Amino acid sequence: MPSMSRRQVLTRAAQAGGSLVLAAAGCRRVDAPPGDSWAGGAGGAVARLRSSITGEVITPDDPRYEDARRVSHFNFNPTTDRFPSLIVFCASAEDVMRALEFARTHALEIAVRSGGNDVLGESVSQGGLVIDLSRLNAITIDPTRRVAMCGSGARAQDVNVATQAHGLAVPLGCHPAIGVGGLTLGGGLGWLLGKYGATCDNLLAAEIVTADGQMLSVDTNDNPELFWAVRGGGGNFGIATNFVYRAHPVGRVLGGYLAYDGERSSEFLRFYPRRHGPGPRRARGRAQVVLDCRPPDGDRVGVLLRRLRAG
């Protein structure tokens, strides 16, 4: 078998979509809306699941269900308006294993949600089971070793606050509310990319629940091939419950926005490459064309430049 680079493997995994873990777990897609058999869960399989975990199980008859099923881009992308049969808020890695076992036994499609900052709706399923990791959000900082240990449901903003108390930072994404789980497994491109690389480049170790229910520790010594794959390969290799990151000294940061009217976009696009790139590795910039549909102007085009300099 010819050898492949890490980038080639990750590219093929991304092209395969979210089916790899589900197929290995023996799960199938459920397109029908959630049935009454899951409602309440009194004296049945759901009741046994509830009693076996320290977290919570929410079914469609629960008054919290409507909020629990929604991801952050619900109003932006109507295709995320899906109705899972169960939502399991896991409080431990063992809860994740129990939820995965339940989904496999009952042939339910699995969706895994870390922070729920999800444009495409990958972290919510129609008629399936959502494994929500938002309660796995513990953060521990070792300033001497410059290491940050975070649960998969921790938010970037909380990690930033914890690390900055020691003058450190982990290269995370650009949005403060994003969960570190999906960010790390997807690569993680953020403001510190130029100086310290992507989030996955700074991953030192992780704990993964595999599709067959095993809990594995992965790093360069233990399960090195799986560790090699999860650094940017997406969520197709298991459910990550905990991460260990390399933290870097980051002091003063200067950043902000510049907005240009769309009528000057051609002028801006000629100016931007000369003024902002290539620049020092400690600087990071992003330019994007935006459409403002709000009244009274409506459909107004502009160019937005975001720039940050660390150190």
Protein backbone atom coordinates (compact mmCIF):
# COMPACT_ATOMS: atom_id res chain seq x y z
CA MET A 1 0.00 0.00 0.00
CA PRO A 2 1.53 3.36 -0.98
CA SER A 3 2.28 5.74 1.88
CA MET A 4 0.24 8.90 2.27
CA SER A 5 1.07 12.18 3.89
CA ARG A 6 -0.92 13.36 6.90
CA ARG A 7 -2.54 16.05 4.75
CA GLN A 8 -3.72 13.44 2.22
CA VAL A 9 -5.29 11.30 4.96
CA LEU A 10 -7.04 14.28 6.51
CA THR A 11 -8.30 15.43 3.12
CA ARG A 12 -9.80 12.01 2.40
CA ALA A 13 -11.37 11.89 5.86
CA ALA A 14 -12.96 15.29 5.31
CA GLN A 15 -14.30 14.17 1.94
CA ALA A 16 -15.84 11.12 3.59
CA GLY A 17 -17.92 13.36 5.84
CA GLY A 18 -19.32 12.32 9.17
CA SER A 19 -20.15 8.72 8.26
CA LEU A 20 -17.01 6.92 9.41
CA VAL A 21 -17.67 6.79 13.14
CA LEU A 22 -21.37 6.11 12.60
CA ALA A 23 -20.73 3.19 10.28
CA ALA A 24 -18.19 1.70 12.67
CA ALA A 25 -20.68 2.09 15.53
CA GLY A 26 -23.37 0.23 13.61
CA CYS A 27 -25.64 3.29 13.48
CA ARG A 28 -28.00 4.35 10.73
CA ARG A 29 -29.52 7.64 9.63
CA VAL A 30 -33.00 8.33 10.97
CA ASP A 31 -34.96 10.81 8.87
CA ALA A 32 -38.32 10.58 10.60
CA PRO A 33 -39.24 13.01 13.39
CA PRO A 34 -38.81 11.71 16.95
CA GLY A 35 -41.50 9.24 17.90
CA ASP A 36 -43.58 9.02 21.05
CA SER A 37 -41.66 5.92 22.17
CA TRP A 38 -38.82 8.12 23.45
CA ALA A 39 -41.01 10.71 25.19
CA GLY A 40 -40.76 10.64 28.95
CA GLY A 41 -38.71 7.46 29.03
CA ALA A 42 -40.48 6.19 32.17
CA GLY A 43 -39.73 2.54 32.86
CA GLY A 44 -37.98 1.89 29.56
CA ALA A 45 -34.65 2.09 27.82
CA VAL A 46 -34.40 5.85 28.30
CA ALA A 47 -35.04 5.47 32.03
CA ARG A 48 -32.20 2.96 32.24
CA LEU A 49 -29.94 5.35 30.34
CA ARG A 50 -30.85 8.15 32.76
CA SER A 51 -30.01 6.00 35.75
CA SER A 52 -26.65 4.95 34.30
CA ILE A 53 -25.17 8.43 33.78
CA THR A 54 -24.36 11.43 35.97
CA GLY A 55 -25.48 13.89 33.29
CA GLU A 56 -28.98 14.48 31.92
CA VAL A 57 -31.17 13.04 29.17
CA ILE A 58 -33.65 15.37 27.50
CA THR A 59 -36.50 14.03 25.38
CA PRO A 60 -39.04 15.92 23.22
CA ASP A 61 -41.59 16.16 26.03
CA ASP A 62 -39.13 18.05 28.27
CA PRO A 63 -39.82 21.83 28.47
CA ARG A 64 -36.08 22.41 27.94
CA TYR A 65 -36.04 20.45 24.69
CA GLU A 66 -36.63 23.41 22.36
CA ASP A 67 -33.58 25.30 23.62
CA ALA A 68 -31.49 22.16 24.00
CA ARG A 69 -31.91 21.06 20.38
CA ARG A 70 -30.80 24.36 18.83
CA VAL A 71 -27.30 25.23 17.70
CA SER A 72 -25.96 28.78 17.60
CA HIS A 73 -26.67 29.30 13.88
CA PHE A 74 -30.30 28.19 14.12
CA ASN A 75 -31.62 31.55 12.90
CA PHE A 76 -28.94 31.84 10.22
CA ASN A 77 -29.30 28.42 8.60
CA PRO A 78 -32.78 26.85 8.63
CA THR A 79 -31.36 23.43 7.75
CA THR A 80 -30.11 23.20 11.36
CA ASP A 81 -33.76 23.11 12.50
CA ARG A 82 -33.71 19.42 13.40
CA PHE A 83 -35.47 17.34 16.04
CA PRO A 84 -33.35 14.67 17.74
CA SER A 85 -35.06 11.91 19.68
CA LEU A 86 -32.75 12.36 22.67
CA ILE A 87 -30.14 14.85 23.82
CA VAL A 88 -27.63 13.53 26.35
CA PHE A 89 -25.75 16.18 28.33
CA CYS A 90 -22.69 14.22 29.38
CA ALA A 91 -20.94 15.05 32.64
CA SER A 92 -18.07 12.58 32.21
CA ALA A 93 -16.31 10.43 29.67
CA GLU A 94 -18.20 7.46 31.10
CA ASP A 95 -21.47 9.23 30.21
CA VAL A 96 -20.22 9.50 26.63
CA MET A 97 -19.55 5.77 26.56
CA ARG A 98 -23.05 4.99 27.89
CA ALA A 99 -24.70 7.31 25.37
CA LEU A 100 -22.72 5.79 22.54
CA GLU A 101 -23.68 2.29 23.65
CA PHE A 102 -27.35 3.32 23.78
CA ALA A 103 -27.22 4.76 20.25
CA ARG A 104 -25.54 1.64 18.92
CA THR A 105 -28.08 -0.66 20.60
CA HIS A 106 -31.06 1.28 19.25
CA ALA A 107 -29.57 2.10 15.81
CA LEU A 108 -29.75 5.86 16.34
CA GLU A 109 -27.71 8.30 14.33
CA ILE A 110 -25.19 10.15 16.49
CA ALA A 111 -24.37 13.85 16.42
CA VAL A 112 -21.69 15.20 18.74
CA ARG A 113 -21.85 18.78 20.01
CA SER A 114 -19.08 20.65 21.78
CA GLY A 115 -19.91 24.38 21.78
CA GLY A 116 -22.72 24.28 19.23
CA ASN A 117 -21.15 27.02 17.10
CA ASP A 118 -22.27 25.09 14.07
CA VAL A 119 -23.09 26.69 10.71
CA LEU A 120 -23.88 23.42 8.89
CA GLY A 121 -25.87 21.67 11.62
CA GLU A 122 -23.42 18.77 11.94
CA SER A 123 -23.92 18.70 15.71
CA VAL A 124 -27.67 18.05 15.68
CA SER A 125 -29.51 15.14 14.07
CA GLN A 126 -33.04 14.47 12.88
CA GLY A 127 -34.52 11.68 14.95
CA GLY A 128 -31.16 10.57 16.31
CA LEU A 129 -29.18 11.07 19.51
CA VAL A 130 -27.15 14.20 20.29
CA ILE A 131 -24.16 13.72 22.59
CA ASP A 132 -23.63 17.16 24.13
CA LEU A 133 -20.18 17.75 25.66
CA SER A 134 -20.74 21.32 26.90
CA ARG A 135 -20.58 20.22 30.55
CA LEU A 136 -17.12 18.72 30.03
CA ASN A 137 -15.66 22.20 30.39
CA ALA A 138 -13.06 21.96 33.16
CA ILE A 139 -9.86 23.94 32.51
CA THR A 140 -6.53 23.44 34.29
CA ILE A 141 -3.42 25.51 33.55
CA ASP A 142 0.14 24.46 34.41
CA PRO A 143 2.08 27.71 33.99
CA THR A 144 5.42 26.07 34.77
CA ARG A 145 5.11 23.53 31.96
CA ARG A 146 3.09 25.96 29.81
CA VAL A 147 0.33 23.42 29.34
CA ALA A 148 -3.45 23.82 29.29
CA MET A 149 -5.80 20.88 29.98
CA CYS A 150 -9.37 21.41 28.80
CA GLY A 151 -12.56 19.43 28.51
CA SER A 152 -13.99 19.20 25.01
CA GLY A 153 -16.90 21.48 25.92
CA ALA A 154 -14.76 24.37 27.16
CA ARG A 155 -15.25 27.64 25.28
CA ALA A 156 -12.39 29.55 23.71
CA GLN A 157 -13.14 32.64 25.77
CA ASP A 158 -12.88 30.69 29.03
CA VAL A 159 -9.58 29.13 27.98
CA ASN A 160 -8.27 32.58 27.04
CA VAL A 161 -9.20 34.00 30.45
CA ALA A 162 -7.57 31.08 32.28
CA THR A 163 -4.32 31.20 30.29
CA GLN A 164 -4.00 34.99 30.27
CA ALA A 165 -3.98 34.97 34.06
CA HIS A 166 -0.49 33.48 33.61
CA GLY A 167 0.53 35.54 30.57
CA LEU A 168 -0.08 32.57 28.27
CA ALA A 169 -2.37 31.71 25.38
CA VAL A 170 -3.37 28.64 23.38
CA PRO A 171 -3.85 29.32 19.65
CA LEU A 172 -7.62 29.02 19.32
CA GLY A 173 -10.20 30.33 16.86
CA CYS A 174 -11.39 33.86 16.19
CA HIS A 175 -14.79 33.47 17.88
CA PRO A 176 -14.83 33.55 21.70
CA ALA A 177 -17.90 31.29 22.08
CA ILE A 178 -16.66 28.38 20.00
CA GLY A 179 -16.09 25.05 21.75
CA VAL A 180 -12.55 23.72 21.69
CA GLY A 181 -13.64 20.20 20.67
CA GLY A 182 -14.87 20.90 17.16
CA LEU A 183 -12.28 23.64 16.75
CA THR A 184 -9.34 21.36 17.49
CA LEU A 185 -10.55 18.37 15.47
CA GLY A 186 -11.24 20.65 12.51
CA GLY A 187 -7.81 22.29 12.61
CA GLY A 188 -8.44 25.57 14.39
CA LEU A 189 -7.41 28.68 12.48
CA GLY A 190 -7.18 31.77 14.67
CA TRP A 191 -5.42 35.02 15.41
CA LEU A 192 -2.18 33.38 16.54
CA LEU A 193 -1.88 31.18 13.45
CA GLY A 194 1.01 33.11 11.94
CA LYS A 195 3.19 32.91 15.03
CA TYR A 196 2.22 29.63 16.72
CA GLY A 197 0.28 27.64 14.11
CA ALA A 198 -3.22 26.17 14.18
CA THR A 199 -4.92 24.76 17.27
CA CYS A 200 -4.23 21.19 16.15
CA ASP A 201 -0.51 21.99 15.83
CA ASN A 202 -0.46 22.72 19.55
CA LEU A 203 -2.31 19.60 20.67
CA LEU A 204 -0.11 17.48 22.94
CA ALA A 205 -2.55 14.74 23.93
CA ALA A 206 -6.24 13.83 23.96
CA GLU A 207 -8.70 11.32 25.35
CA ILE A 208 -10.90 9.65 22.74
CA VAL A 209 -13.94 7.42 23.06
CA THR A 210 -13.89 5.20 19.98
CA ALA A 211 -16.93 3.94 18.08
CA ASP A 212 -16.75 0.55 19.82
CA GLY A 213 -16.83 2.24 23.24
CA GLN A 214 -13.16 2.15 24.23
CA MET A 215 -11.53 5.03 26.07
CA LEU A 216 -8.09 5.73 24.63
CA SER A 217 -5.35 8.14 25.58
CA VAL A 218 -3.56 9.41 22.48
CA ASP A 219 -0.28 11.26 22.11
CA THR A 220 3.03 10.73 20.34
CA ASN A 221 3.69 7.58 22.39
CA ASP A 222 0.24 6.09 23.04
CA ASN A 223 -1.85 5.34 19.95
CA PRO A 224 0.34 7.65 17.86
CA GLU A 225 -1.48 6.93 14.58
CA LEU A 226 -4.83 7.98 16.04
CA PHE A 227 -3.18 11.06 17.54
CA TRP A 228 -1.73 11.84 14.11
CA ALA A 229 -5.19 11.62 12.57
CA VAL A 230 -7.25 13.65 15.06
CA ARG A 231 -5.07 16.74 14.71
CA GLY A 232 -7.27 18.45 12.14
CA GLY A 233 -8.93 15.35 10.68
CA GLY A 234 -12.43 16.20 11.92
CA GLY A 235 -14.73 14.17 14.14
CA ASN A 236 -14.52 10.92 12.18
CA PHE A 237 -12.17 9.00 14.47
CA GLY A 238 -14.03 9.02 17.77
CA ILE A 239 -15.47 11.39 20.38
CA ALA A 240 -12.82 13.54 22.02
CA THR A 241 -13.56 14.29 25.68
CA ASN A 242 -10.36 15.97 26.85
CA PHE A 243 -7.41 17.83 25.35
CA VAL A 244 -3.92 18.87 26.45
CA TYR A 245 -2.48 21.90 24.66
CA ARG A 246 0.84 23.67 24.47
CA ALA A 247 0.46 27.26 25.72
CA HIS A 248 2.64 30.17 24.61
CA PRO A 249 3.70 33.42 26.24
CA VAL A 250 1.50 36.16 24.81
CA GLY A 251 1.59 39.63 26.30
CA ARG A 252 0.28 42.80 24.75
CA VAL A 253 -2.16 42.34 21.86
CA LEU A 254 -3.37 45.07 19.53
CA GLY A 255 -6.35 44.41 17.28
CA GLY A 256 -9.37 45.97 15.66
CA TYR A 257 -11.54 46.49 12.59
CA LEU A 258 -11.43 48.75 9.56
CA ALA A 259 -14.52 49.05 7.36
CA TYR A 260 -14.59 50.31 3.77
CA ASP A 261 -17.58 51.14 1.62
CA GLY A 262 -18.19 48.69 -1.21
CA GLU A 263 -17.72 51.42 -3.81
CA ARG A 264 -14.05 51.53 -2.79
CA SER A 265 -13.57 47.76 -2.83
CA SER A 266 -11.33 47.71 -5.92
CA GLU A 267 -9.16 50.42 -4.39
CA PHE A 268 -8.96 48.47 -1.14
CA LEU A 269 -8.05 45.19 -2.87
CA ARG A 270 -5.14 46.88 -4.62
CA PHE A 271 -3.99 48.46 -1.39
CA TYR A 272 -4.32 45.48 0.97
CA PRO A 273 -1.61 43.13 -0.42
CA ARG A 274 0.97 45.90 -0.45
CA ARG A 275 0.20 47.15 3.05
CA HIS A 276 -0.60 43.97 4.97
CA GLY A 277 1.18 41.04 3.41
CA PRO A 278 3.52 39.39 3.76
CA GLY A 279 4.03 40.67 7.31
CA PRO A 280 5.66 39.56 10.53
CA ARG A 281 4.57 36.17 11.86
CA ARG A 282 3.20 37.83 14.99
CA ALA A 283 0.64 39.73 12.90
CA ARG A 284 -2.55 38.23 11.52
CA GLY A 285 -5.15 39.82 9.26
CA ARG A 286 -8.36 38.88 7.49
CA ALA A 287 -10.32 40.75 4.87
CA GLN A 288 -13.84 39.86 3.82
CA VAL A 289 -16.64 41.26 1.69
CA VAL A 290 -19.86 41.72 3.68
CA LEU A 291 -23.47 42.34 2.66
CA ASP A 292 -25.64 44.44 4.96
CA CYS A 293 -29.32 43.69 4.28
CA ARG A 294 -30.70 45.85 7.08
CA PRO A 295 -33.05 48.75 6.30
CA PRO A 296 -33.12 51.55 5.40
CA ASP A 297 -30.19 51.12 2.99
CA GLY A 298 -30.59 47.38 2.30
CA ASP A 299 -28.15 45.19 0.34
CA ARG A 300 -25.20 47.46 1.06
CA VAL A 301 -21.83 45.92 0.22
CA GLY A 302 -18.71 46.69 2.21
CA VAL A 303 -15.21 45.38 2.93
CA LEU A 304 -14.24 44.54 6.50
CA LEU A 305 -10.60 44.20 7.57
CA ARG A 306 -9.74 42.54 10.87
CA ARG A 307 -6.16 42.84 12.07
CA LEU A 308 -4.33 41.60 15.18
CA ARG A 309 -0.75 41.93 16.31
CA ALA A 310 0.56 39.86 19.24
CA GLY A 311 3.75 40.89 20.95
